[in-house]
C-alpha cells in the first residue's frame, strides 16, 4: 500500500530488547536486511529476537519466544 498526503510527518519509535523479552539479562539478536521489489521502493527490515527462545514461556508477562520485525523505506525520496 502506498499512502499519499499533503504534508510531511516524522515518526519516532524507540525499540529495545524489552520488546522481545522481559528478562533484562537475555541476550538479544539484532539483524537487518534490505529487500527490493520491482514496483515499490526498497525496504529495510530489522529483526529483533532472543538468541535462545523459550517456547511458551513468559517473564514479567512478556513472551520469551517470537520476534519483532520493523520495516520501512531504506532510502528517503525528496
PDB file of N, CA and C in Angstrom:
ATOM      1  N   UNK A   1       0.838  -1.156   0.000  1.00  0.00           N
ATOM      2  CA  UNK A   1       0.000   0.000   0.000  1.00  0.00           C
ATOM      3  C   UNK A   1       0.895   1.234   0.000  1.00  0.00           C
ATOM      4  N   UNK A   2       0.596   2.186  -0.854  1.00  0.00           N
ATOM      5  CA  UNK A   2       1.315   3.454  -0.886  1.00  0.00           C
ATOM      6  C   UNK A   2       0.351   4.537  -0.435  1.00  0.00           C
ATOM      7  N   UNK A   3       0.808   5.361   0.481  1.00  0.00           N
ATOM      8  CA  UNK A   3      -0.027   6.429   1.036  1.00  0.00           C
ATOM      9  C   UNK A   3       0.505   7.769   0.562  1.00  0.00           C
ATOM     10  N   UNK A   4      -0.393   8.638   0.139  1.00  0.00           N
ATOM     11  CA  UNK A   4      -0.018   9.978  -0.317  1.00  0.00           C
ATOM     12  C   UNK A   4      -0.704  11.005   0.568  1.00  0.00           C
ATOM     13  N   UNK A   5      -0.045  12.129   0.789  1.00  0.00           N
ATOM     14  CA  UNK A   5      -0.643  13.179   1.598  1.00  0.00           C
ATOM     15  C   UNK A   5      -0.079  14.533   1.226  1.00  0.00           C
ATOM     16  N   UNK A   6      -0.650  15.576   1.828  1.00  0.00           N
ATOM     17  CA  UNK A   6      -0.249  16.926   1.507  1.00  0.00           C
ATOM     18  C   UNK A   6       0.747  17.529   2.481  1.00  0.00           C
ATOM     19  N   UNK A   7       1.259  16.742   3.439  1.00  0.00           N
ATOM     20  CA  UNK A   7       2.218  17.277   4.393  1.00  0.00           C
ATOM     21  C   UNK A   7       3.158  16.175   4.859  1.00  0.00           C
ATOM     22  N   UNK A   8       4.313  16.584   5.377  1.00  0.00           N
ATOM     23  CA  UNK A   8       5.304  15.623   5.871  1.00  0.00           C
ATOM     24  C   UNK A   8       5.101  15.389   7.358  1.00  0.00           C
ATOM     25  N   UNK A   9       5.379  14.172   7.795  1.00  0.00           N
ATOM     26  CA  UNK A   9       5.372  13.861   9.222  1.00  0.00           C
ATOM     27  C   UNK A   9       6.621  13.069   9.553  1.00  0.00           C
ATOM     28  N   UNK A  10       7.058  13.152  10.775  1.00  0.00           N
ATOM     29  CA  UNK A  10       8.159  12.344  11.280  1.00  0.00           C
ATOM     30  C   UNK A  10       7.598  11.411  12.337  1.00  0.00           C
ATOM     31  N   UNK A  11       8.046  10.169  12.315  1.00  0.00           N
ATOM     32  CA  UNK A  11       7.619   9.183  13.299  1.00  0.00           C
ATOM     33  C   UNK A  11       8.855   8.699  14.031  1.00  0.00           C
ATOM     34  N   UNK A  12       8.791   8.731  15.351  1.00  0.00           N
ATOM     35  CA  UNK A  12       9.894   8.239  16.180  1.00  0.00           C
ATOM     36  C   UNK A  12       9.422   6.984  16.892  1.00  0.00           C
ATOM     37  N   UNK A  13      10.260   5.950  16.873  1.00  0.00           N
ATOM     38  CA  UNK A  13       9.940   4.712  17.584  1.00  0.00           C
ATOM     39  C   UNK A  13      11.208   4.235  18.263  1.00  0.00           C
ATOM     40  N   UNK A  14      11.121   3.993  19.550  1.00  0.00           N
ATOM     41  CA  UNK A  14      12.257   3.510  20.320  1.00  0.00           C
ATOM     42  C   UNK A  14      12.089   2.012  20.527  1.00  0.00           C
ATOM     43  N   UNK A  15      13.002   1.238  19.975  1.00  0.00           N
ATOM     44  CA  UNK A  15      12.920  -0.218  20.053  1.00  0.00           C
ATOM     45  C   UNK A  15      14.137  -0.722  20.812  1.00  0.00           C
ATOM     46  N   UNK A  16      13.889  -1.553  21.822  1.00  0.00           N
ATOM     47  CA  UNK A  16      14.995  -2.191  22.538  1.00  0.00           C
ATOM     48  C   UNK A  16      14.639  -3.644  22.815  1.00  0.00           C
ATOM     49  N   UNK A  17      15.514  -4.353  23.487  1.00  0.00           N
ATOM     50  CA  UNK A  17      15.322  -5.771  23.736  1.00  0.00           C
ATOM     51  C   UNK A  17      14.123  -6.104  24.599  1.00  0.00           C
ATOM     52  N   UNK A  18      13.597  -5.142  25.351  1.00  0.00           N
ATOM     53  CA  UNK A  18      12.436  -5.413  26.187  1.00  0.00           C
ATOM     54  C   UNK A  18      11.174  -5.668  25.357  1.00  0.00           C
ATOM     55  N   UNK A  19      11.205  -5.381  24.069  1.00  0.00           N
ATOM     56  CA  UNK A  19      10.076  -5.701  23.206  1.00  0.00           C
ATOM     57  C   UNK A  19       9.976  -7.213  22.982  1.00  0.00           C
ATOM     58  N   UNK A  20      11.067  -7.947  23.156  1.00  0.00           N
ATOM     59  CA  UNK A  20      11.060  -9.390  22.873  1.00  0.00           C
ATOM     60  C   UNK A  20      11.402 -10.242  24.078  1.00  0.00           C
ATOM     61  N   UNK A  21      11.666  -9.623  25.224  1.00  0.00           N
ATOM     62  CA  UNK A  21      11.961 -10.384  26.434  1.00  0.00           C
ATOM     63  C   UNK A  21      11.761  -9.503  27.658  1.00  0.00           C
ATOM     64  N   UNK A  22      11.158 -10.067  28.687  1.00  0.00           N
ATOM     65  CA  UNK A  22      11.009  -9.346  29.941  1.00  0.00           C
ATOM     66  C   UNK A  22      12.220  -9.507  30.846  1.00  0.00           C
ATOM     67  N   UNK A  23      13.131 -10.394  30.474  1.00  0.00           N
ATOM     68  CA  UNK A  23      14.327 -10.676  31.265  1.00  0.00           C
ATOM     69  C   UNK A  23      15.477  -9.815  30.754  1.00  0.00           C
ATOM     70  N   UNK A  24      15.883  -8.838  31.549  1.00  0.00           N
ATOM     71  CA  UNK A  24      16.942  -7.911  31.107  1.00  0.00           C
ATOM     72  C   UNK A  24      18.300  -8.585  30.908  1.00  0.00           C
ATOM     73  N   UNK A  25      18.472  -9.800  31.410  1.00  0.00           N
ATOM     74  CA  UNK A  25      19.746 -10.492  31.213  1.00  0.00           C
ATOM     75  C   UNK A  25      19.757 -11.341  29.936  1.00  0.00           C
ATOM     76  N   UNK A  26      18.647 -11.383  29.202  1.00  0.00           N
ATOM     77  CA  UNK A  26      18.583 -12.155  27.954  1.00  0.00           C
ATOM     78  C   UNK A  26      19.500 -11.543  26.907  1.00  0.00           C
ATOM     79  N   UNK A  27      20.144 -12.404  26.149  1.00  0.00           N
ATOM     80  CA  UNK A  27      20.938 -11.933  25.008  1.00  0.00           C
ATOM     81  C   UNK A  27      19.991 -11.780  23.828  1.00  0.00           C
ATOM     82  N   UNK A  28      20.049 -10.610  23.197  1.00  0.00           N
ATOM     83  CA  UNK A  28      19.147 -10.273  22.104  1.00  0.00           C
ATOM     84  C   UNK A  28      19.914 -10.267  20.786  1.00  0.00           C
ATOM     85  N   UNK A  29      19.327 -10.889  19.760  1.00  0.00           N
ATOM     86  CA  UNK A  29      19.926 -10.926  18.424  1.00  0.00           C
ATOM     87  C   UNK A  29      19.242  -9.879  17.556  1.00  0.00           C
ATOM     88  N   UNK A  30      20.037  -9.031  16.911  1.00  0.00           N
ATOM     89  CA  UNK A  30      19.544  -7.978  16.022  1.00  0.00           C
ATOM     90  C   UNK A  30      20.090  -8.259  14.628  1.00  0.00           C
ATOM     91  N   UNK A  31      19.240  -8.144  13.624  1.00  0.00           N
ATOM     92  CA  UNK A  31      19.720  -8.269  12.243  1.00  0.00           C
ATOM     93  C   UNK A  31      18.944  -7.305  11.355  1.00  0.00           C
ATOM     94  N   UNK A  32      19.512  -7.005  10.204  1.00  0.00           N
ATOM     95  CA  UNK A  32      18.895  -6.070   9.280  1.00  0.00           C
ATOM     96  C   UNK A  32      19.055  -6.609   7.861  1.00  0.00           C
ATOM     97  N   UNK A  33      17.977  -6.529   7.080  1.00  0.00           N
ATOM     98  CA  UNK A  33      18.020  -6.958   5.685  1.00  0.00           C
ATOM     99  C   UNK A  33      17.359  -5.901   4.814  1.00  0.00           C
ATOM    100  N   UNK A  34      17.820  -5.797   3.574  1.00  0.00           N
ATOM    101  CA  UNK A  34      17.210  -4.925   2.581  1.00  0.00           C
ATOM    102  C   UNK A  34      16.533  -5.804   1.538  1.00  0.00           C
ATOM    103  N   UNK A  35      15.323  -5.435   1.148  1.00  0.00           N
ATOM    104  CA  UNK A  35      14.568  -6.188   0.151  1.00  0.00           C
ATOM    105  C   UNK A  35      14.136  -5.229  -0.945  1.00  0.00           C
ATOM    106  N   UNK A  36      14.375  -5.611  -2.187  1.00  0.00           N
ATOM    107  CA  UNK A  36      13.989  -4.775  -3.323  1.00  0.00           C
ATOM    108  C   UNK A  36      12.854  -5.445  -4.091  1.00  0.00           C
ATOM    109  N   UNK A  37      11.866  -4.660  -4.443  1.00  0.00           N
ATOM    110  CA  UNK A  37      10.769  -5.117  -5.287  1.00  0.00           C
ATOM    111  C   UNK A  37      10.774  -4.272  -6.551  1.00  0.00           C
ATOM    112  N   UNK A  38      10.205  -4.788  -7.618  1.00  0.00           N
ATOM    113  CA  UNK A  38      10.256  -4.050  -8.881  1.00  0.00           C
ATOM    114  C   UNK A  38       9.332  -2.842  -8.901  1.00  0.00           C
ATOM    115  N   UNK A  39       8.211  -2.875  -8.157  1.00  0.00           N
ATOM    116  CA  UNK A  39       7.236  -1.797  -8.277  1.00  0.00           C
ATOM    117  C   UNK A  39       7.123  -0.896  -7.045  1.00  0.00           C
ATOM    118  N   UNK A  40       7.927  -1.139  -6.009  1.00  0.00           N
ATOM    119  CA  UNK A  40       7.897  -0.288  -4.806  1.00  0.00           C
ATOM    120  C   UNK A  40       9.327   0.019  -4.379  1.00  0.00           C
ATOM    121  N   UNK A  41       9.509   1.082  -3.584  1.00  0.00           N
ATOM    122  CA  UNK A  41      10.864   1.388  -3.109  1.00  0.00           C
ATOM    123  C   UNK A  41      11.440   0.244  -2.270  1.00  0.00           C
ATOM    124  N   UNK A  42      12.730   0.227  -2.190  1.00  0.00           N
ATOM    125  CA  UNK A  42      13.417  -0.798  -1.418  1.00  0.00           C
ATOM    126  C   UNK A  42      13.056  -0.668   0.053  1.00  0.00           C
ATOM    127  N   UNK A  43      12.853  -1.814   0.717  1.00  0.00           N
ATOM    128  CA  UNK A  43      12.517  -1.833   2.139  1.00  0.00           C
ATOM    129  C   UNK A  43      13.696  -2.312   2.966  1.00  0.00           C
ATOM    130  N   UNK A  44      13.825  -1.763   4.153  1.00  0.00           N
ATOM    131  CA  UNK A  44      14.815  -2.220   5.129  1.00  0.00           C
ATOM    132  C   UNK A  44      14.032  -2.793   6.308  1.00  0.00           C
ATOM    133  N   UNK A  45      14.394  -4.002   6.732  1.00  0.00           N
ATOM    134  CA  UNK A  45      13.699  -4.667   7.830  1.00  0.00           C
ATOM    135  C   UNK A  45      14.687  -5.022   8.925  1.00  0.00           C
ATOM    136  N   UNK A  46      14.342  -4.634  10.140  1.00  0.00           N
ATOM    137  CA  UNK A  46      15.114  -5.008  11.318  1.00  0.00           C
ATOM    138  C   UNK A  46      14.389  -6.152  12.001  1.00  0.00           C
ATOM    139  N   UNK A  47      15.138  -7.165  12.418  1.00  0.00           N
ATOM    140  CA  UNK A  47      14.580  -8.306  13.141  1.00  0.00           C
ATOM    141  C   UNK A  47      15.232  -8.357  14.515  1.00  0.00           C
ATOM    142  N   UNK A  48      14.402  -8.391  15.546  1.00  0.00           N
ATOM    143  CA  UNK A  48      14.892  -8.431  16.924  1.00  0.00           C
ATOM    144  C   UNK A  48      14.267  -9.650  17.594  1.00  0.00           C
ATOM    145  N   UNK A  49      15.094 -10.489  18.231  1.00  0.00           N
ATOM    146  CA  UNK A  49      14.598 -11.673  18.926  1.00  0.00           C
ATOM    147  C   UNK A  49      15.605 -12.107  19.981  1.00  0.00           C
ATOM    148  N   UNK A  50      15.158 -12.953  20.895  1.00  0.00           N
ATOM    149  CA  UNK A  50      16.083 -13.563  21.852  1.00  0.00           C
ATOM    150  C   UNK A  50      17.032 -14.487  21.107  1.00  0.00           C
ATOM    151  N   UNK A  51      18.279 -14.554  21.543  1.00  0.00           N
ATOM    152  CA  UNK A  51      19.206 -15.511  20.928  1.00  0.00           C
ATOM    153  C   UNK A  51      18.716 -16.932  21.156  1.00  0.00           C
ATOM    154  N   UNK A  52      18.245 -17.216  22.368  1.00  0.00           N
ATOM    155  CA  UNK A  52      17.699 -18.534  22.694  1.00  0.00           C
ATOM    156  C   UNK A  52      16.254 -18.349  23.141  1.00  0.00           C
ATOM    157  N   UNK A  53      15.319 -18.717  22.273  1.00  0.00           N
ATOM    158  CA  UNK A  53      13.912 -18.551  22.604  1.00  0.00           C
ATOM    159  C   UNK A  53      13.460 -19.631  23.576  1.00  0.00           C
ATOM    160  N   UNK A  54      12.569 -19.274  24.480  1.00  0.00           N
ATOM    161  CA  UNK A  54      11.987 -20.202  25.443  1.00  0.00           C
ATOM    162  C   UNK A  54      10.517 -20.366  25.075  1.00  0.00           C
ATOM    163  N   UNK A  55      10.214 -21.426  24.322  1.00  0.00           N
ATOM    164  CA  UNK A  55       8.864 -21.608  23.803  1.00  0.00           C
ATOM    165  C   UNK A  55       7.832 -21.680  24.917  1.00  0.00           C
ATOM    166  N   UNK A  56       6.743 -20.967  24.727  1.00  0.00           N
ATOM    167  CA  UNK A  56       5.588 -20.949  25.633  1.00  0.00           C
ATOM    168  C   UNK A  56       5.975 -20.580  27.065  1.00  0.00           C
ATOM    169  N   UNK A  57       6.924 -19.661  27.190  1.00  0.00           N
ATOM    170  CA  UNK A  57       7.394 -19.189  28.487  1.00  0.00           C
ATOM    171  C   UNK A  57       7.220 -17.677  28.548  1.00  0.00           C
ATOM    172  N   UNK A  58       6.891 -17.171  29.735  1.00  0.00           N
ATOM    173  CA  UNK A  58       6.767 -15.733  29.939  1.00  0.00           C
ATOM    174  C   UNK A  58       7.665 -15.294  31.084  1.00  0.00           C
ATOM    175  N   UNK A  59       8.098 -14.047  31.027  1.00  0.00           N
ATOM    176  CA  UNK A  59       8.867 -13.426  32.091  1.00  0.00           C
ATOM    177  C   UNK A  59       8.293 -12.028  32.261  1.00  0.00           C
ATOM    178  N   UNK A  60       7.775 -11.702  33.430  1.00  0.00           N
ATOM    179  CA  UNK A  60       7.112 -10.411  33.661  1.00  0.00           C
ATOM    180  C   UNK A  60       6.035 -10.128  32.611  1.00  0.00           C
ATOM    181  N   UNK A  61       5.209 -11.136  32.332  1.00  0.00           N
ATOM    182  CA  UNK A  61       4.093 -11.033  31.376  1.00  0.00           C
ATOM    183  C   UNK A  61       4.539 -10.738  29.949  1.00  0.00           C
ATOM    184  N   UNK A  62       5.752 -11.114  29.598  1.00  0.00           N
ATOM    185  CA  UNK A  62       6.237 -10.936  28.225  1.00  0.00           C
ATOM    186  C   UNK A  62       6.676 -12.284  27.678  1.00  0.00           C
ATOM    187  N   UNK A  63       6.268 -12.561  26.458  1.00  0.00           N
ATOM    188  CA  UNK A  63       6.636 -13.821  25.809  1.00  0.00           C
ATOM    189  C   UNK A  63       8.139 -13.881  25.602  1.00  0.00           C
ATOM    190  N   UNK A  64       8.705 -15.049  25.826  1.00  0.00           N
ATOM    191  CA  UNK A  64      10.142 -15.257  25.641  1.00  0.00           C
ATOM    192  C   UNK A  64      10.428 -16.016  24.340  1.00  0.00           C
ATOM    193  N   UNK A  65       9.495 -15.936  23.399  1.00  0.00           N
ATOM    194  CA  UNK A  65       9.676 -16.525  22.075  1.00  0.00           C
ATOM    195  C   UNK A  65       9.077 -15.561  21.048  1.00  0.00           C
ATOM    196  N   UNK A  66       9.434 -15.777  19.808  1.00  0.00           N
ATOM    197  CA  UNK A  66       8.940 -14.913  18.733  1.00  0.00           C
ATOM    198  C   UNK A  66       9.939 -13.815  18.417  1.00  0.00           C
ATOM    199  N   UNK A  67       9.577 -12.968  17.474  1.00  0.00           N
ATOM    200  CA  UNK A  67      10.473 -11.902  17.068  1.00  0.00           C
ATOM    201  C   UNK A  67       9.679 -10.668  16.693  1.00  0.00           C
ATOM    202  N   UNK A  68      10.349  -9.541  16.717  1.00  0.00           N
ATOM    203  CA  UNK A  68       9.775  -8.263  16.302  1.00  0.00           C
ATOM    204  C   UNK A  68      10.389  -7.894  14.959  1.00  0.00           C
ATOM    205  N   UNK A  69       9.545  -7.617  13.986  1.00  0.00           N
ATOM    206  CA  UNK A  69      10.003  -7.147  12.679  1.00  0.00           C
ATOM    207  C   UNK A  69       9.541  -5.711  12.510  1.00  0.00           C
ATOM    208  N   UNK A  70      10.458  -4.849  12.128  1.00  0.00           N
ATOM    209  CA  UNK A  70      10.144  -3.437  11.907  1.00  0.00           C
ATOM    210  C   UNK A  70      10.673  -3.072  10.533  1.00  0.00           C
ATOM    211  N   UNK A  71       9.789  -2.639   9.628  1.00  0.00           N
ATOM    212  CA  UNK A  71      10.185  -2.343   8.249  1.00  0.00           C
ATOM    213  C   UNK A  71       9.878  -0.902   7.889  1.00  0.00           C
ATOM    214  N   UNK A  72      10.695  -0.370   7.014  1.00  0.00           N
ATOM    215  CA  UNK A  72      10.488   0.982   6.493  1.00  0.00           C
ATOM    216  C   UNK A  72      11.314   1.147   5.226  1.00  0.00           C
ATOM    217  N   UNK A  73      11.131   2.275   4.551  1.00  0.00           N
ATOM    218  CA  UNK A  73      11.916   2.509   3.327  1.00  0.00           C
ATOM    219  C   UNK A  73      13.396   2.619   3.651  1.00  0.00           C
ATOM    220  N   UNK A  74      14.222   2.053   2.797  1.00  0.00           N
ATOM    221  CA  UNK A  74      15.666   2.104   3.039  1.00  0.00           C
ATOM    222  C   UNK A  74      16.277   3.407   2.552  1.00  0.00           C
ATOM    223  N   UNK A  75      15.561   4.121   1.696  1.00  0.00           N
ATOM    224  CA  UNK A  75      16.020   5.413   1.208  1.00  0.00           C
ATOM    225  C   UNK A  75      14.853   6.389   1.290  1.00  0.00           C
ATOM    226  N   UNK A  76      15.179   7.649   1.453  1.00  0.00           N
ATOM    227  CA  UNK A  76      14.164   8.684   1.505  1.00  0.00           C
ATOM    228  C   UNK A  76      14.089   9.386   0.173  1.00  0.00           C
ATOM    229  N   UNK A  77      12.899   9.590  -0.329  1.00  0.00           N
ATOM    230  CA  UNK A  77      12.688  10.269  -1.599  1.00  0.00           C
ATOM    231  C   UNK A  77      12.244  11.690  -1.295  1.00  0.00           C
ATOM    232  N   UNK A  78      12.968  12.657  -1.852  1.00  0.00           N
ATOM    233  CA  UNK A  78      12.616  14.068  -1.620  1.00  0.00           C
ATOM    234  C   UNK A  78      11.970  14.640  -2.853  1.00  0.00           C
TER     235      UNK A  78
END
